[in-house]
């Protein structure tokens, strides 16, 4: 499997990206990695930190796309950036998948307009996996489509279900619609129509889910428009980060609490790891014609290794082919009912 990696995406690029890719070659078999980015800087960074580039291919891309750049720059002034070159190379068949920790908006735009969409997909969706008390949950969409139509939410449910079945191996995943209440009649026009469409499918649709119930793990796939989904994601991350910060402050308050912390140190570390975003790897841009995945912007070497596992699983399990088949099956079923 050949994976193209954005060497200049993320807060710790290119050093941590190079380190992570070095580890990936050691831990995963039958893997070829191409670092996409400014070759001179990549080689200089590796030399300065005594990192071997043996086994790593380099695809030169002179421009650097920052987190502050407008998403559209990936198609305009930064079309020779590591992200743009990587996506074009993927679209042209020069790799099996693309991984980036860079600008999320630019990645979504590039995946949609450069790599294109799976046949039948109305809009690709940003789909992070989040921890809950009962295992992982996929949030789709988490920001790619701020405005959405009911039929888009229907497809999100189908695509999210396929991903959870084939990558995280959750049988018959429970699909829920993010809403302001669990009752069938709650929400606005978008939620009402999306609810009706989802209920007509063969998905394991369990109805609406409120934000407060998500951490309890009541579902496996959360369907939302990008505006709602992004708020859920950012609030989720923020509360988890603040909670762990407060727990740490509490245990370092005085000698007594420090002693208590020492007694449950392993348990505290396990709790922190359980709610660490990086344990579930990269977030797929579900619906793109070829595998495009997003690592967290603050990802360091170990997070790149976990993200690569997501890339491998997504690609090896032919998730895109299964999404296309599911959408075609749904379309055929509608046509039969119409006839």
Protein backbone atom coordinates (compact mmCIF):
# COMPACT_ATOMS: atom_id res chain seq x y z
CA UNK A 1 0.00 0.00 0.00
CA UNK A 2 1.36 3.43 -0.97
CA UNK A 3 0.36 6.30 1.30
CA UNK A 4 1.02 9.95 0.50
CA UNK A 5 1.69 11.96 3.67
CA UNK A 6 1.51 15.74 3.96
CA UNK A 7 4.91 16.49 5.51
CA UNK A 8 3.99 20.11 6.22
CA UNK A 9 0.52 19.67 7.71
CA UNK A 10 0.00 20.29 11.42
CA UNK A 11 1.48 22.22 14.33
CA UNK A 12 4.60 20.05 14.60
CA UNK A 13 5.46 19.58 10.95
CA UNK A 14 7.72 18.53 9.42
CA UNK A 15 9.73 17.03 12.32
CA UNK A 16 6.97 15.01 14.01
CA UNK A 17 5.55 13.93 10.67
CA UNK A 18 8.93 12.54 9.63
CA UNK A 19 9.36 10.84 13.02
CA UNK A 20 5.89 9.34 12.79
CA UNK A 21 6.40 8.05 9.27
CA UNK A 22 9.71 6.52 10.33
CA UNK A 23 7.87 4.63 13.07
CA UNK A 24 5.12 3.58 10.66
CA UNK A 25 7.64 1.81 8.42
CA UNK A 26 8.91 -0.09 11.45
CA UNK A 27 5.46 -1.13 12.70
CA UNK A 28 3.44 -1.81 9.56
CA UNK A 29 4.21 -4.31 6.82
CA UNK A 30 3.85 -3.82 3.06
CA UNK A 31 3.70 -0.06 3.46
CA UNK A 32 5.30 2.55 1.20
CA UNK A 33 5.26 6.16 2.37
CA UNK A 34 5.81 9.24 0.24
CA UNK A 35 6.48 12.46 2.14
CA UNK A 36 5.01 15.36 0.19
CA UNK A 37 6.60 18.75 0.79
CA UNK A 38 9.64 20.95 0.35
CA UNK A 39 12.41 18.40 -0.20
CA UNK A 40 15.21 20.69 0.97
CA UNK A 41 13.52 21.40 4.31
CA UNK A 42 12.59 17.73 4.80
CA UNK A 43 16.19 16.60 4.27
CA UNK A 44 17.60 19.42 6.42
CA UNK A 45 15.18 18.63 9.28
CA UNK A 46 16.00 14.93 9.13
CA UNK A 47 19.73 15.62 9.16
CA UNK A 48 19.50 18.06 12.08
CA UNK A 49 17.63 15.52 14.19
CA UNK A 50 19.59 12.49 12.98
CA UNK A 51 16.56 10.84 11.39
CA UNK A 52 17.01 8.35 8.60
CA UNK A 53 14.98 8.90 5.45
CA UNK A 54 15.77 5.42 4.18
CA UNK A 55 12.64 3.79 2.81
CA UNK A 56 10.78 7.10 2.67
CA UNK A 57 10.10 8.59 -0.74
CA UNK A 58 9.93 12.37 -1.16
CA UNK A 59 7.65 14.24 -3.56
CA UNK A 60 8.74 17.86 -3.83
CA UNK A 61 6.10 20.52 -3.19
CA UNK A 62 7.60 24.01 -2.65
CA UNK A 63 4.62 25.90 -1.19
CA UNK A 64 3.52 25.71 2.44
CA UNK A 65 -0.17 25.92 3.30
CA UNK A 66 -0.72 27.20 6.85
CA UNK A 67 -3.60 26.72 9.26
CA UNK A 68 -4.43 30.43 8.81
CA UNK A 69 -4.75 30.24 5.01
CA UNK A 70 -8.20 30.42 3.47
CA UNK A 71 -9.44 26.98 2.37
CA UNK A 72 -9.61 28.10 -1.26
CA UNK A 73 -5.88 28.77 -1.39
CA UNK A 74 -5.26 25.05 -1.87
CA UNK A 75 -6.69 25.55 -5.37
CA UNK A 76 -5.23 29.03 -6.01
CA UNK A 77 -2.04 30.59 -4.63
CA UNK A 78 -0.98 27.41 -2.79
CA UNK A 79 -1.66 24.90 -5.57
CA UNK A 80 1.94 23.71 -5.26
CA UNK A 81 1.66 23.13 -1.51
CA UNK A 82 2.21 19.71 0.04
CA UNK A 83 -1.55 19.25 0.46
CA UNK A 84 -2.47 20.24 -3.09
CA UNK A 85 0.32 18.20 -4.69
CA UNK A 86 -0.52 15.20 -2.51
CA UNK A 87 -4.21 15.32 -3.40
CA UNK A 88 -3.48 15.73 -7.12
CA UNK A 89 -1.07 12.81 -7.02
CA UNK A 90 -3.72 10.69 -5.29
CA UNK A 91 -6.34 11.68 -7.87
CA UNK A 92 -3.94 10.76 -10.69
CA UNK A 93 -3.28 7.31 -9.25
CA UNK A 94 0.12 8.02 -7.71
CA UNK A 95 -0.91 6.63 -4.34
CA UNK A 96 -3.59 4.62 -2.56
CA UNK A 97 -4.43 7.15 0.18
CA UNK A 98 -3.54 10.61 1.49
CA UNK A 99 -2.96 11.60 5.12
CA UNK A 100 -2.66 15.17 6.40
CA UNK A 101 -2.69 16.94 9.74
CA UNK A 102 -3.06 20.29 7.99
CA UNK A 103 -5.76 22.88 7.35
CA UNK A 104 -9.12 21.07 7.70
CA UNK A 105 -11.10 23.41 5.46
CA UNK A 106 -8.51 23.22 2.69
CA UNK A 107 -8.39 19.42 2.97
CA UNK A 108 -12.17 19.15 2.60
CA UNK A 109 -12.18 21.52 -0.36
CA UNK A 110 -9.23 19.78 -1.99
CA UNK A 111 -10.71 16.33 -1.45
CA UNK A 112 -14.01 17.46 -2.98
CA UNK A 113 -12.67 19.38 -5.98
CA UNK A 114 -9.37 17.61 -6.72
CA UNK A 115 -9.99 14.00 -5.68
CA UNK A 116 -13.73 14.33 -6.44
CA UNK A 117 -16.62 12.34 -4.92
CA UNK A 118 -17.68 8.72 -4.92
CA UNK A 119 -20.34 8.27 -7.59
CA UNK A 120 -23.71 9.12 -6.09
CA UNK A 121 -22.34 11.02 -3.07
CA UNK A 122 -23.82 14.49 -2.80
CA UNK A 123 -21.21 15.89 -0.39
CA UNK A 124 -18.14 14.41 1.35
CA UNK A 125 -18.24 14.76 5.14
CA UNK A 126 -15.61 15.25 7.82
CA UNK A 127 -16.03 12.31 10.20
CA UNK A 128 -14.03 12.13 13.43
CA UNK A 129 -14.34 9.21 15.83
CA UNK A 130 -14.84 10.25 19.47
CA UNK A 131 -14.58 8.29 22.74
CA UNK A 132 -17.63 7.55 24.90
CA UNK A 133 -18.17 5.49 28.05
CA UNK A 134 -19.38 2.63 25.83
CA UNK A 135 -16.82 2.70 23.03
CA UNK A 136 -16.22 4.90 19.97
CA UNK A 137 -18.80 6.99 18.14
CA UNK A 138 -18.48 8.47 14.65
CA UNK A 139 -19.69 12.04 14.15
CA UNK A 140 -20.70 12.79 10.56
CA UNK A 141 -20.60 15.65 9.51
CA UNK A 142 -18.28 17.62 11.81
CA UNK A 143 -17.83 20.74 9.73
CA UNK A 144 -17.49 20.11 6.00
CA UNK A 145 -21.07 21.14 5.16
CA UNK A 146 -22.31 23.99 7.32
CA UNK A 147 -25.59 23.90 5.44
CA UNK A 148 -27.11 20.55 4.54
CA UNK A 149 -30.17 19.04 2.96
CA UNK A 150 -32.14 16.06 4.30
CA UNK A 151 -30.89 13.72 1.58
CA UNK A 152 -27.30 14.62 2.53
CA UNK A 153 -27.95 13.62 6.14
CA UNK A 154 -29.43 10.36 4.84
CA UNK A 155 -26.21 9.64 2.97
CA UNK A 156 -24.15 10.59 6.03
CA UNK A 157 -25.99 7.91 7.97
CA UNK A 158 -25.32 5.29 5.32
CA UNK A 159 -21.64 6.22 4.88
CA UNK A 160 -21.04 6.43 8.62
CA UNK A 161 -22.61 3.03 9.16
CA UNK A 162 -20.41 1.45 6.49
CA UNK A 163 -17.30 2.98 8.05
CA UNK A 164 -18.06 1.76 11.56
CA UNK A 165 -18.84 -1.75 10.33
CA UNK A 166 -15.71 -2.11 8.21
CA UNK A 167 -13.07 -0.09 10.06
CA UNK A 168 -14.04 -0.31 13.73
CA UNK A 169 -15.84 -3.63 13.20
CA UNK A 170 -19.06 -2.69 14.99
CA UNK A 171 -21.82 -4.99 13.82
CA UNK A 172 -25.10 -3.32 12.86
CA UNK A 173 -24.06 0.12 14.21
CA UNK A 174 -26.72 2.23 15.89
CA UNK A 175 -27.36 5.42 13.90
CA UNK A 176 -28.85 8.51 15.57
CA UNK A 177 -29.74 12.01 14.42
CA UNK A 178 -28.38 14.92 16.48
CA UNK A 179 -31.35 16.93 17.70
CA UNK A 180 -32.68 19.10 20.52
CA UNK A 181 -34.77 16.28 21.95
CA UNK A 182 -35.29 12.55 21.61
CA UNK A 183 -38.96 12.76 20.60
CA UNK A 184 -39.71 12.09 16.92
CA UNK A 185 -41.26 15.51 16.35
CA UNK A 186 -38.32 17.57 17.71
CA UNK A 187 -36.11 19.82 15.60
CA UNK A 188 -36.62 21.99 12.56
CA UNK A 189 -37.60 21.17 9.00
CA UNK A 190 -34.15 19.68 8.22
CA UNK A 191 -34.29 17.29 11.17
CA UNK A 192 -37.92 16.32 10.53
CA UNK A 193 -37.27 15.32 6.92
CA UNK A 194 -33.92 13.67 7.68
CA UNK A 195 -35.59 11.65 10.45
CA UNK A 196 -38.26 10.46 8.01
CA UNK A 197 -35.67 9.44 5.39
CA UNK A 198 -33.41 7.64 7.86
CA UNK A 199 -36.36 5.75 9.31
CA UNK A 200 -37.19 4.36 5.87
CA UNK A 201 -33.78 2.72 5.41
CA UNK A 202 -32.43 -0.64 6.55
CA UNK A 203 -30.01 1.16 8.86
CA UNK A 204 -30.20 0.48 12.58
CA UNK A 205 -31.69 3.93 13.08
CA UNK A 206 -32.56 4.53 16.73
CA UNK A 207 -34.00 8.03 16.36
CA UNK A 208 -32.84 11.34 17.78
CA UNK A 209 -29.98 11.86 20.23
CA UNK A 210 -29.41 14.86 22.50
CA UNK A 211 -25.95 16.26 23.11
CA UNK A 212 -25.93 15.25 26.79
CA UNK A 213 -26.42 11.57 25.89
CA UNK A 214 -23.57 11.33 23.40
CA UNK A 215 -20.80 10.76 26.01
CA UNK A 216 -22.80 7.83 27.42
CA UNK A 217 -22.39 5.93 24.16
CA UNK A 218 -26.05 5.56 23.26
CA UNK A 219 -25.22 5.27 19.54
CA UNK A 220 -22.37 4.39 17.19
CA UNK A 221 -22.98 7.00 14.47
CA UNK A 222 -24.19 10.56 15.03
CA UNK A 223 -25.66 12.20 11.94
CA UNK A 224 -25.59 16.00 11.85
CA UNK A 225 -25.24 18.95 9.53
CA UNK A 226 -21.71 20.36 9.58
CA UNK A 227 -22.62 23.39 11.70
CA UNK A 228 -24.19 21.32 14.47
CA UNK A 229 -21.55 18.61 14.22
CA UNK A 230 -18.64 21.02 14.52
CA UNK A 231 -20.12 22.56 17.66
CA UNK A 232 -20.57 19.08 19.16
CA UNK A 233 -16.96 18.16 18.30
CA UNK A 234 -15.35 21.34 19.63
CA UNK A 235 -17.44 21.34 22.82
CA UNK A 236 -16.61 17.66 23.35
CA UNK A 237 -12.88 18.28 22.98
CA UNK A 238 -12.99 21.41 25.12
CA UNK A 239 -14.86 19.85 28.03
CA UNK A 240 -12.57 16.78 28.04
CA UNK A 241 -9.46 18.98 28.03
CA UNK A 242 -10.77 21.25 30.78
CA UNK A 243 -11.90 18.31 32.91
CA UNK A 244 -8.48 16.65 32.79
CA UNK A 245 -6.86 20.00 33.59
CA UNK A 246 -9.05 20.43 36.68
CA UNK A 247 -8.39 16.87 37.86
CA UNK A 248 -4.64 17.47 37.56
CA UNK A 249 -4.89 20.74 39.51
CA UNK A 250 -6.91 19.01 42.23
CA UNK A 251 -4.35 16.24 42.71
CA UNK A 252 -1.40 18.64 42.82
CA UNK A 253 -3.06 20.98 45.32
CA UNK A 254 -1.16 19.86 48.44
CA UNK A 255 0.84 16.98 49.93
CA UNK A 256 -2.27 14.95 50.78
CA UNK A 257 -3.71 15.13 47.27
CA UNK A 258 -0.29 14.42 45.75
CA UNK A 259 -0.05 11.24 47.83
CA UNK A 260 -3.54 10.26 46.70
CA UNK A 261 -2.54 10.92 43.10
CA UNK A 262 0.44 8.61 43.53
CA UNK A 263 -1.82 5.78 44.62
CA UNK A 264 -4.07 6.05 41.55
CA UNK A 265 -1.50 7.27 39.04
CA UNK A 266 -2.06 4.36 36.65
CA UNK A 267 -5.83 4.81 36.80
CA UNK A 268 -5.53 8.53 36.06
CA UNK A 269 -3.27 7.82 33.12
CA UNK A 270 -5.71 5.21 31.81
CA UNK A 271 -8.55 7.73 32.10
CA UNK A 272 -6.54 10.32 30.18
CA UNK A 273 -5.69 7.79 27.47
CA UNK A 274 -9.31 6.67 27.20
CA UNK A 275 -10.47 10.16 26.32
CA UNK A 276 -7.49 10.98 24.13
CA UNK A 277 -8.60 11.83 20.58
CA UNK A 278 -5.50 10.24 19.06
CA UNK A 279 -6.40 6.68 20.15
CA UNK A 280 -8.86 6.43 17.25
CA UNK A 281 -6.43 7.75 14.68
CA UNK A 282 -7.29 9.92 11.70
CA UNK A 283 -10.71 11.24 10.70
CA UNK A 284 -11.81 10.20 7.21
CA UNK A 285 -13.22 12.59 4.66
CA UNK A 286 -16.01 10.14 3.91
CA UNK A 287 -17.40 10.40 0.41
CA UNK A 288 -14.17 11.44 -1.35
CA UNK A 289 -13.47 9.20 -4.34
CA UNK A 290 -10.20 7.95 -2.83
CA UNK A 291 -9.12 7.61 0.82
CA UNK A 292 -8.36 11.02 2.33
CA UNK A 293 -7.85 11.16 6.09
CA UNK A 294 -7.16 13.96 8.55
CA UNK A 295 -4.87 13.58 11.56
CA UNK A 296 -5.31 16.04 14.44
CA UNK A 297 -3.53 19.35 13.92
CA UNK A 298 -1.47 18.88 17.08
CA UNK A 299 -0.49 15.31 16.18
CA UNK A 300 3.00 14.17 17.13
CA UNK A 301 4.86 11.05 16.01
CA UNK A 302 2.79 8.47 17.92
CA UNK A 303 -0.46 10.07 16.77
CA UNK A 304 0.78 9.78 13.18
CA UNK A 305 1.34 6.06 13.77
CA UNK A 306 -2.24 5.65 15.05
CA UNK A 307 -3.52 7.74 12.15
CA UNK A 308 -1.70 5.52 9.68
CA UNK A 309 -3.56 2.53 11.15
CA UNK A 310 -6.82 4.28 10.22
CA UNK A 311 -5.53 4.89 6.71
CA UNK A 312 -4.53 1.25 6.30
CA UNK A 313 -7.84 -0.09 7.65
CA UNK A 314 -9.92 2.31 5.55
CA UNK A 315 -8.05 1.44 2.36
CA UNK A 316 -7.59 -2.30 2.91
CA UNK A 317 -11.26 -2.80 3.76
CA UNK A 318 -12.36 -1.07 0.54
CA UNK A 319 -14.67 1.28 2.41
CA UNK A 320 -15.27 3.49 -0.63
CA UNK A 321 -16.39 0.54 -2.76
CA UNK A 322 -18.79 -0.55 -0.02
CA UNK A 323 -20.19 2.97 0.33
CA UNK A 324 -20.78 3.13 -3.43
CA UNK A 325 -22.51 -0.26 -3.33
CA UNK A 326 -24.72 0.78 -0.40
CA UNK A 327 -25.79 4.00 -2.11
CA UNK A 328 -26.52 2.14 -5.34
CA UNK A 329 -28.58 -0.42 -3.44
CA UNK A 330 -30.57 2.35 -1.77
CA UNK A 331 -31.13 4.05 -5.14
CA UNK A 332 -32.24 0.78 -6.75
CA UNK A 333 -34.64 0.12 -3.89
CA UNK A 334 -36.26 3.53 -4.38
CA UNK A 335 -36.60 2.98 -8.10
CA UNK A 336 -38.30 -0.40 -7.51
CA UNK A 337 -40.77 1.18 -5.09
CA UNK A 338 -41.47 3.95 -7.60
CA UNK A 339 -42.11 1.41 -10.38
